[in-house]
């Protein structure tokens, strides 16, 4: 039992590590690919279509070689999930285009309380005061180190609302579908990736044209640009798999809270690799965010231990109905229990 717990803990750490490393890596690769100082590939939605196309290809190879088992999930549920996921991608891109970076960061931070509320509405999930406090600390910390100017307009606000709602719902659906159909994270991803890839590769160039005013057909693909596109797509496979894996193992709220460790890593690596400015405000905000993540991890672990203590008590305690049945000599658990007096009478 102890060995299983250690193995599970190692797997949990491995899933988080893969998500953080691949997410930070893909952000660094995309920054080099998409920045004007790099290769100027500004077609973010189409690039996401490339990501899911490679992920779908890996899933097809895995299923064909027998490395993963394919379980049935109704197509309409896969389609519904893909629509929500694509709304999330498009909404985020439009939100970033129409709003200031400061408001964009605020909208991303608002996903944590939105996920909490949606899980409470959809799954009647409740959170302890310690978890709520940790979430507030993380939001404040990340807000301090990322939010600068805050400007918003009506169109941008609507796009931000769509992005936050769809992203939160998508992350909740990942966990729900895995539990509902008893399907693994990679198996679910291999089923949704082809649908997302097809739709994003068709609609992506249109969305990117609306965002940038440039057509992808007019872009000159150099050797360096192709290399970073391939690198980005390779990292996206690990990023997508680890996202499904983390949400399946933990929850959408945990994924959002601990996922802000990536924000801290990106700011630090940006300072180390790209000479980005790192002020005292950024550093203090990162420290507060990390403290909040530690508090959150402690609070979640405390909840798990409290629940594990309650389960054995519920199993070992007899209900009033069971006590009454025992007194009446009714069969319980495959054995008939009678009082000594009746047993004595039956022997005579």
Protein backbone atom coordinates (compact mmCIF):
# COMPACT_ATOMS: atom_id res chain seq x y z
CA UNK A 1 0.00 0.00 0.00
CA UNK A 2 2.84 2.33 0.93
CA UNK A 3 4.65 1.44 -2.30
CA UNK A 4 1.52 2.29 -4.32
CA UNK A 5 1.31 5.71 -2.65
CA UNK A 6 4.97 6.43 -3.43
CA UNK A 7 4.50 5.29 -7.03
CA UNK A 8 1.41 7.51 -7.38
CA UNK A 9 3.28 10.49 -5.90
CA UNK A 10 6.16 9.98 -8.35
CA UNK A 11 3.67 9.79 -11.25
CA UNK A 12 1.97 12.99 -10.06
CA UNK A 13 5.28 14.86 -9.86
CA UNK A 14 6.25 13.50 -13.28
CA UNK A 15 2.99 14.71 -14.84
CA UNK A 16 3.39 18.21 -13.38
CA UNK A 17 7.07 18.36 -14.36
CA UNK A 18 6.26 17.35 -17.94
CA UNK A 19 3.54 19.99 -18.13
CA UNK A 20 5.68 22.79 -16.71
CA UNK A 21 8.78 21.95 -18.79
CA UNK A 22 6.86 21.46 -22.06
CA UNK A 23 4.67 24.56 -21.51
CA UNK A 24 7.60 26.81 -20.70
CA UNK A 25 9.57 25.29 -23.59
CA UNK A 26 6.78 25.89 -26.09
CA UNK A 27 6.38 29.50 -24.92
CA UNK A 28 10.11 30.11 -25.42
CA UNK A 29 10.05 28.43 -28.87
CA UNK A 30 6.95 30.37 -29.94
CA UNK A 31 8.48 33.63 -28.74
CA UNK A 32 11.46 33.04 -31.01
CA UNK A 33 9.18 31.92 -33.85
CA UNK A 34 6.56 34.66 -33.63
CA UNK A 35 8.45 37.74 -32.44
CA UNK A 36 9.59 40.41 -34.87
CA UNK A 37 13.12 39.88 -33.63
CA UNK A 38 12.79 36.18 -34.52
CA UNK A 39 11.03 34.76 -37.58
CA UNK A 40 7.82 36.84 -37.52
CA UNK A 41 5.41 33.89 -37.84
CA UNK A 42 2.35 35.64 -36.41
CA UNK A 43 -0.28 33.01 -37.26
CA UNK A 44 -1.00 31.71 -33.76
CA UNK A 45 -4.32 29.95 -34.45
CA UNK A 46 -2.96 28.12 -37.50
CA UNK A 47 0.10 27.14 -35.47
CA UNK A 48 -2.25 25.61 -32.89
CA UNK A 49 -3.83 23.64 -35.74
CA UNK A 50 -0.35 22.31 -36.58
CA UNK A 51 0.05 21.34 -32.92
CA UNK A 52 -3.13 19.27 -32.87
CA UNK A 53 -2.38 17.74 -36.28
CA UNK A 54 0.94 16.37 -34.96
CA UNK A 55 -0.76 15.26 -31.72
CA UNK A 56 -3.45 13.46 -33.73
CA UNK A 57 -0.77 11.76 -35.85
CA UNK A 58 1.04 10.54 -32.73
CA UNK A 59 -2.28 9.25 -31.36
CA UNK A 60 -3.06 7.37 -34.58
CA UNK A 61 0.41 5.75 -34.58
CA UNK A 62 0.01 4.79 -30.92
CA UNK A 63 -3.41 3.19 -31.51
CA UNK A 64 -2.23 1.38 -34.64
CA UNK A 65 0.82 -0.06 -32.87
CA UNK A 66 -1.23 -1.20 -29.88
CA UNK A 67 0.55 1.07 -27.40
CA UNK A 68 -2.79 2.58 -26.38
CA UNK A 69 -6.33 1.17 -26.39
CA UNK A 70 -9.17 2.98 -28.13
CA UNK A 71 -12.42 3.20 -26.13
CA UNK A 72 -15.77 4.34 -27.44
CA UNK A 73 -16.83 7.91 -26.75
CA UNK A 74 -19.93 9.29 -28.54
CA UNK A 75 -18.97 11.52 -31.44
CA UNK A 76 -21.35 14.28 -30.38
CA UNK A 77 -19.50 14.59 -27.04
CA UNK A 78 -16.15 14.77 -28.82
CA UNK A 79 -17.55 17.38 -31.20
CA UNK A 80 -19.03 19.43 -28.34
CA UNK A 81 -15.71 19.32 -26.50
CA UNK A 82 -13.79 20.36 -29.64
CA UNK A 83 -16.11 23.32 -30.24
CA UNK A 84 -15.57 24.52 -26.65
CA UNK A 85 -11.79 24.02 -26.94
CA UNK A 86 -11.62 25.95 -30.24
CA UNK A 87 -13.73 28.75 -28.78
CA UNK A 88 -11.16 28.92 -25.97
CA UNK A 89 -8.24 29.25 -28.42
CA UNK A 90 -9.94 31.82 -30.65
CA UNK A 91 -11.31 33.75 -27.66
CA UNK A 92 -7.87 34.00 -26.06
CA UNK A 93 -6.29 35.22 -29.29
CA UNK A 94 -8.99 37.85 -29.90
CA UNK A 95 -8.86 38.93 -26.24
CA UNK A 96 -5.12 39.50 -26.49
CA UNK A 97 -5.60 41.47 -29.71
CA UNK A 98 -8.46 43.71 -28.53
CA UNK A 99 -7.44 44.27 -24.89
CA UNK A 100 -4.31 45.50 -23.18
CA UNK A 101 -1.85 42.89 -21.88
CA UNK A 102 -2.84 43.86 -18.33
CA UNK A 103 -6.52 43.08 -18.84
CA UNK A 104 -5.60 39.90 -20.71
CA UNK A 105 -3.64 38.73 -17.65
CA UNK A 106 -6.54 39.63 -15.36
CA UNK A 107 -8.93 37.57 -17.51
CA UNK A 108 -6.55 34.58 -17.26
CA UNK A 109 -6.38 34.96 -13.48
CA UNK A 110 -10.18 35.06 -13.27
CA UNK A 111 -10.29 31.47 -14.57
CA UNK A 112 -9.50 30.09 -11.11
CA UNK A 113 -12.61 31.48 -9.36
CA UNK A 114 -14.69 30.78 -12.49
CA UNK A 115 -13.60 27.11 -12.48
CA UNK A 116 -14.43 26.92 -8.75
CA UNK A 117 -17.94 28.31 -9.33
CA UNK A 118 -18.56 26.08 -12.36
CA UNK A 119 -17.46 22.93 -10.50
CA UNK A 120 -19.75 23.94 -7.63
CA UNK A 121 -22.67 24.37 -10.06
CA UNK A 122 -22.00 21.30 -12.24
CA UNK A 123 -20.58 18.84 -9.68
CA UNK A 124 -21.67 20.32 -6.32
CA UNK A 125 -18.01 20.49 -5.31
CA UNK A 126 -17.17 22.43 -2.15
CA UNK A 127 -13.85 23.92 -1.10
CA UNK A 128 -12.36 24.43 2.36
CA UNK A 129 -11.48 27.87 3.67
CA UNK A 130 -7.77 26.98 3.40
CA UNK A 131 -8.12 26.22 -0.33
CA UNK A 132 -10.05 29.46 -0.91
CA UNK A 133 -7.37 31.43 0.94
CA UNK A 134 -4.59 29.81 -1.11
CA UNK A 135 -6.40 30.63 -4.37
CA UNK A 136 -6.69 34.29 -3.34
CA UNK A 137 -2.97 34.43 -2.46
CA UNK A 138 -1.97 32.90 -5.83
CA UNK A 139 -4.22 35.29 -7.77
CA UNK A 140 -2.80 38.31 -5.91
CA UNK A 141 0.79 37.15 -6.41
CA UNK A 142 0.48 36.45 -10.13
CA UNK A 143 -1.52 39.65 -10.58
CA UNK A 144 1.21 41.74 -8.94
CA UNK A 145 3.97 40.30 -11.14
CA UNK A 146 2.10 40.27 -14.48
CA UNK A 147 -0.61 42.96 -14.58
CA UNK A 148 0.58 46.37 -15.78
CA UNK A 149 -1.67 48.66 -17.81
CA UNK A 150 -5.36 47.77 -17.80
CA UNK A 151 -7.42 48.98 -20.76
CA UNK A 152 -10.64 47.38 -21.94
CA UNK A 153 -13.36 47.96 -24.53
CA UNK A 154 -16.73 46.34 -25.18
CA UNK A 155 -15.59 43.92 -27.92
CA UNK A 156 -12.49 42.96 -25.96
CA UNK A 157 -14.52 42.40 -22.80
CA UNK A 158 -16.96 40.08 -24.63
CA UNK A 159 -14.07 38.11 -26.16
CA UNK A 160 -12.41 37.82 -22.75
CA UNK A 161 -15.65 36.52 -21.20
CA UNK A 162 -16.03 33.92 -23.98
CA UNK A 163 -12.38 32.89 -23.55
CA UNK A 164 -12.61 32.53 -19.77
CA UNK A 165 -15.92 30.64 -19.85
CA UNK A 166 -14.90 28.24 -22.64
CA UNK A 167 -11.42 27.57 -21.23
CA UNK A 168 -12.82 26.85 -17.76
CA UNK A 169 -15.53 24.58 -19.18
CA UNK A 170 -13.00 22.77 -21.39
CA UNK A 171 -10.77 21.95 -18.45
CA UNK A 172 -13.71 20.66 -16.41
CA UNK A 173 -14.89 18.56 -19.37
CA UNK A 174 -11.47 16.89 -19.68
CA UNK A 175 -11.80 15.42 -16.19
CA UNK A 176 -15.53 14.65 -16.58
CA UNK A 177 -15.13 12.72 -19.86
CA UNK A 178 -12.23 10.68 -18.48
CA UNK A 179 -14.28 9.62 -15.45
CA UNK A 180 -17.53 9.13 -17.36
CA UNK A 181 -16.09 6.77 -20.00
CA UNK A 182 -13.18 5.41 -17.92
CA UNK A 183 -10.78 6.55 -20.61
CA UNK A 184 -7.14 7.53 -20.21
CA UNK A 185 -5.81 11.02 -20.83
CA UNK A 186 -3.89 10.11 -23.98
CA UNK A 187 -6.80 8.08 -25.41
CA UNK A 188 -9.17 11.04 -24.96
CA UNK A 189 -6.65 13.42 -26.50
CA UNK A 190 -6.13 11.13 -29.51
CA UNK A 191 -9.89 11.23 -30.14
CA UNK A 192 -10.36 15.00 -29.83
CA UNK A 193 -7.11 16.10 -31.53
CA UNK A 194 -8.14 15.13 -35.12
CA UNK A 195 -11.39 17.12 -34.84
CA UNK A 196 -9.59 20.16 -33.44
CA UNK A 197 -6.81 19.88 -36.02
CA UNK A 198 -9.22 19.80 -38.98
CA UNK A 199 -11.31 22.70 -37.73
CA UNK A 200 -8.31 24.87 -36.74
CA UNK A 201 -6.45 24.26 -40.00
CA UNK A 202 -9.56 25.36 -41.92
CA UNK A 203 -10.63 28.28 -39.72
CA UNK A 204 -7.19 29.21 -38.37
CA UNK A 205 -5.98 31.18 -41.41
CA UNK A 206 -9.24 33.17 -41.39
CA UNK A 207 -8.93 33.98 -37.68
CA UNK A 208 -5.26 34.89 -38.10
CA UNK A 209 -6.10 37.19 -41.01
CA UNK A 210 -8.66 38.99 -38.83
CA UNK A 211 -6.06 39.31 -36.07
CA UNK A 212 -3.02 40.36 -38.10
CA UNK A 213 -4.26 41.38 -41.56
CA UNK A 214 -1.74 38.98 -43.13
CA UNK A 215 -2.29 35.75 -45.07
CA UNK A 216 -0.26 32.69 -44.16
CA UNK A 217 0.19 31.91 -47.88
CA UNK A 218 2.22 35.10 -48.20
CA UNK A 219 4.65 34.06 -45.46
CA UNK A 220 8.15 32.99 -46.52
CA UNK A 221 9.09 29.76 -44.75
CA UNK A 222 12.81 29.73 -43.99
CA UNK A 223 14.80 26.82 -42.60
CA UNK A 224 14.92 28.43 -39.15
CA UNK A 225 11.16 29.06 -39.12
CA UNK A 226 10.41 25.45 -40.12
CA UNK A 227 12.76 24.19 -37.39
CA UNK A 228 10.97 26.19 -34.68
CA UNK A 229 7.53 25.15 -36.04
CA UNK A 230 8.59 21.49 -35.77
CA UNK A 231 10.03 22.11 -32.29
CA UNK A 232 6.85 23.88 -31.21
CA UNK A 233 4.68 21.02 -32.52
CA UNK A 234 6.85 18.41 -30.78
CA UNK A 235 6.63 20.23 -27.45
CA UNK A 236 2.87 20.68 -27.99
CA UNK A 237 2.40 16.89 -27.96
CA UNK A 238 3.94 16.67 -24.48
CA UNK A 239 2.09 19.80 -23.37
CA UNK A 240 -1.32 18.49 -24.52
CA UNK A 241 -0.78 15.02 -23.07
CA UNK A 242 0.42 16.39 -19.72
CA UNK A 243 -2.53 18.81 -19.53
CA UNK A 244 -5.06 15.98 -19.93
CA UNK A 245 -3.00 13.83 -17.56
CA UNK A 246 -2.82 16.48 -14.83
CA UNK A 247 -6.52 17.38 -14.97
CA UNK A 248 -7.44 13.67 -14.98
CA UNK A 249 -5.27 13.03 -11.91
CA UNK A 250 -6.11 16.18 -9.98
CA UNK A 251 -8.75 18.76 -10.89
CA UNK A 252 -9.26 21.78 -13.11
CA UNK A 253 -8.73 24.09 -10.12
CA UNK A 254 -5.43 22.44 -9.19
CA UNK A 255 -4.31 22.67 -12.82
CA UNK A 256 -5.06 26.40 -12.83
CA UNK A 257 -3.45 27.16 -9.47
CA UNK A 258 -0.25 25.13 -9.82
CA UNK A 259 -0.16 25.99 -13.53
CA UNK A 260 0.79 29.54 -12.57
CA UNK A 261 4.21 28.12 -11.71
CA UNK A 262 4.69 28.30 -15.49
CA UNK A 263 4.12 32.06 -15.33
CA UNK A 264 6.90 32.37 -12.75
CA UNK A 265 9.21 30.19 -14.89
CA UNK A 266 8.44 32.18 -18.06
CA UNK A 267 9.20 35.50 -16.36
CA UNK A 268 12.47 34.12 -14.96
CA UNK A 269 13.58 32.56 -18.25
CA UNK A 270 12.57 35.71 -20.15
CA UNK A 271 14.93 37.65 -17.90
CA UNK A 272 17.73 35.08 -18.33
CA UNK A 273 17.41 34.39 -22.07
CA UNK A 274 15.76 37.44 -23.64
CA UNK A 275 16.96 40.27 -21.36
CA UNK A 276 13.39 41.00 -20.25
CA UNK A 277 13.09 43.47 -17.39
CA UNK A 278 12.59 41.91 -13.95
CA UNK A 279 11.62 44.52 -11.37
CA UNK A 280 11.21 44.32 -7.60
CA UNK A 281 7.43 44.27 -8.21
CA UNK A 282 7.79 41.18 -10.42
CA UNK A 283 10.00 39.41 -7.87
CA UNK A 284 7.71 40.18 -4.91
CA UNK A 285 4.67 39.02 -6.90
CA UNK A 286 6.40 35.75 -7.83
CA UNK A 287 7.31 35.10 -4.19
CA UNK A 288 3.70 35.68 -3.09
CA UNK A 289 2.45 33.39 -5.89
CA UNK A 290 4.84 30.59 -4.90
CA UNK A 291 3.78 30.92 -1.24
CA UNK A 292 0.14 30.65 -2.36
CA UNK A 293 0.93 27.50 -4.37
CA UNK A 294 2.61 25.94 -1.33
CA UNK A 295 -0.42 26.79 0.84
CA UNK A 296 -2.74 25.35 -1.81
CA UNK A 297 -0.77 22.09 -2.02
CA UNK A 298 -0.84 21.79 1.78
CA UNK A 299 -4.59 22.53 1.93
CA UNK A 300 -5.43 19.95 -0.76
CA UNK A 301 -3.27 17.32 0.96
CA UNK A 302 -4.97 18.08 4.29
CA UNK A 303 -8.39 17.60 2.63
CA UNK A 304 -7.29 14.24 1.20
CA UNK A 305 -6.05 13.01 4.59
CA UNK A 306 -9.27 14.12 6.28
CA UNK A 307 -11.35 12.26 3.69
CA UNK A 308 -9.20 9.12 3.97
CA UNK A 309 -9.79 9.09 7.75
CA UNK A 310 -13.54 9.44 7.29
CA UNK A 311 -13.85 6.52 4.85
CA UNK A 312 -12.68 3.74 7.24
CA UNK A 313 -14.95 5.12 9.96
CA UNK A 314 -17.94 4.96 7.65
CA UNK A 315 -17.07 1.40 6.64
CA UNK A 316 -16.57 0.12 10.21
CA UNK A 317 -19.61 1.78 11.79
CA UNK A 318 -23.02 0.14 11.65
CA UNK A 319 -26.07 2.14 10.75
CA UNK A 320 -29.26 2.06 12.83
CA UNK A 321 -30.92 -0.02 10.12
CA UNK A 322 -28.15 -2.63 10.22
CA UNK A 323 -28.37 -2.84 14.03
CA UNK A 324 -32.13 -3.41 13.81
CA UNK A 325 -31.66 -6.11 11.19
CA UNK A 326 -29.05 -7.83 13.38
CA UNK A 327 -31.48 -7.88 16.30
CA UNK A 328 -34.20 -9.37 14.10
CA UNK A 329 -31.89 -12.12 12.82
CA UNK A 330 -31.92 -11.02 9.19
CA UNK A 331 -29.21 -12.19 6.78
CA UNK A 332 -26.42 -9.65 6.47
CA UNK A 333 -23.32 -10.06 4.34
CA UNK A 334 -24.12 -13.68 3.45
CA UNK A 335 -24.51 -14.99 7.06
CA UNK A 336 -27.66 -15.41 9.17
CA UNK A 337 -27.44 -13.95 12.66
CA UNK A 338 -29.89 -15.09 15.33
CA UNK A 339 -29.98 -14.60 19.06
CA UNK A 340 -28.89 -17.36 21.44
CA UNK A 341 -32.38 -18.08 22.66
CA UNK A 342 -33.70 -18.95 19.18
CA UNK A 343 -30.63 -21.04 18.45
CA UNK A 344 -31.23 -23.02 21.64
CA UNK A 345 -34.87 -23.62 20.69
CA UNK A 346 -33.94 -24.87 17.23
CA UNK A 347 -31.54 -27.44 18.76
CA UNK A 348 -34.31 -28.84 21.00
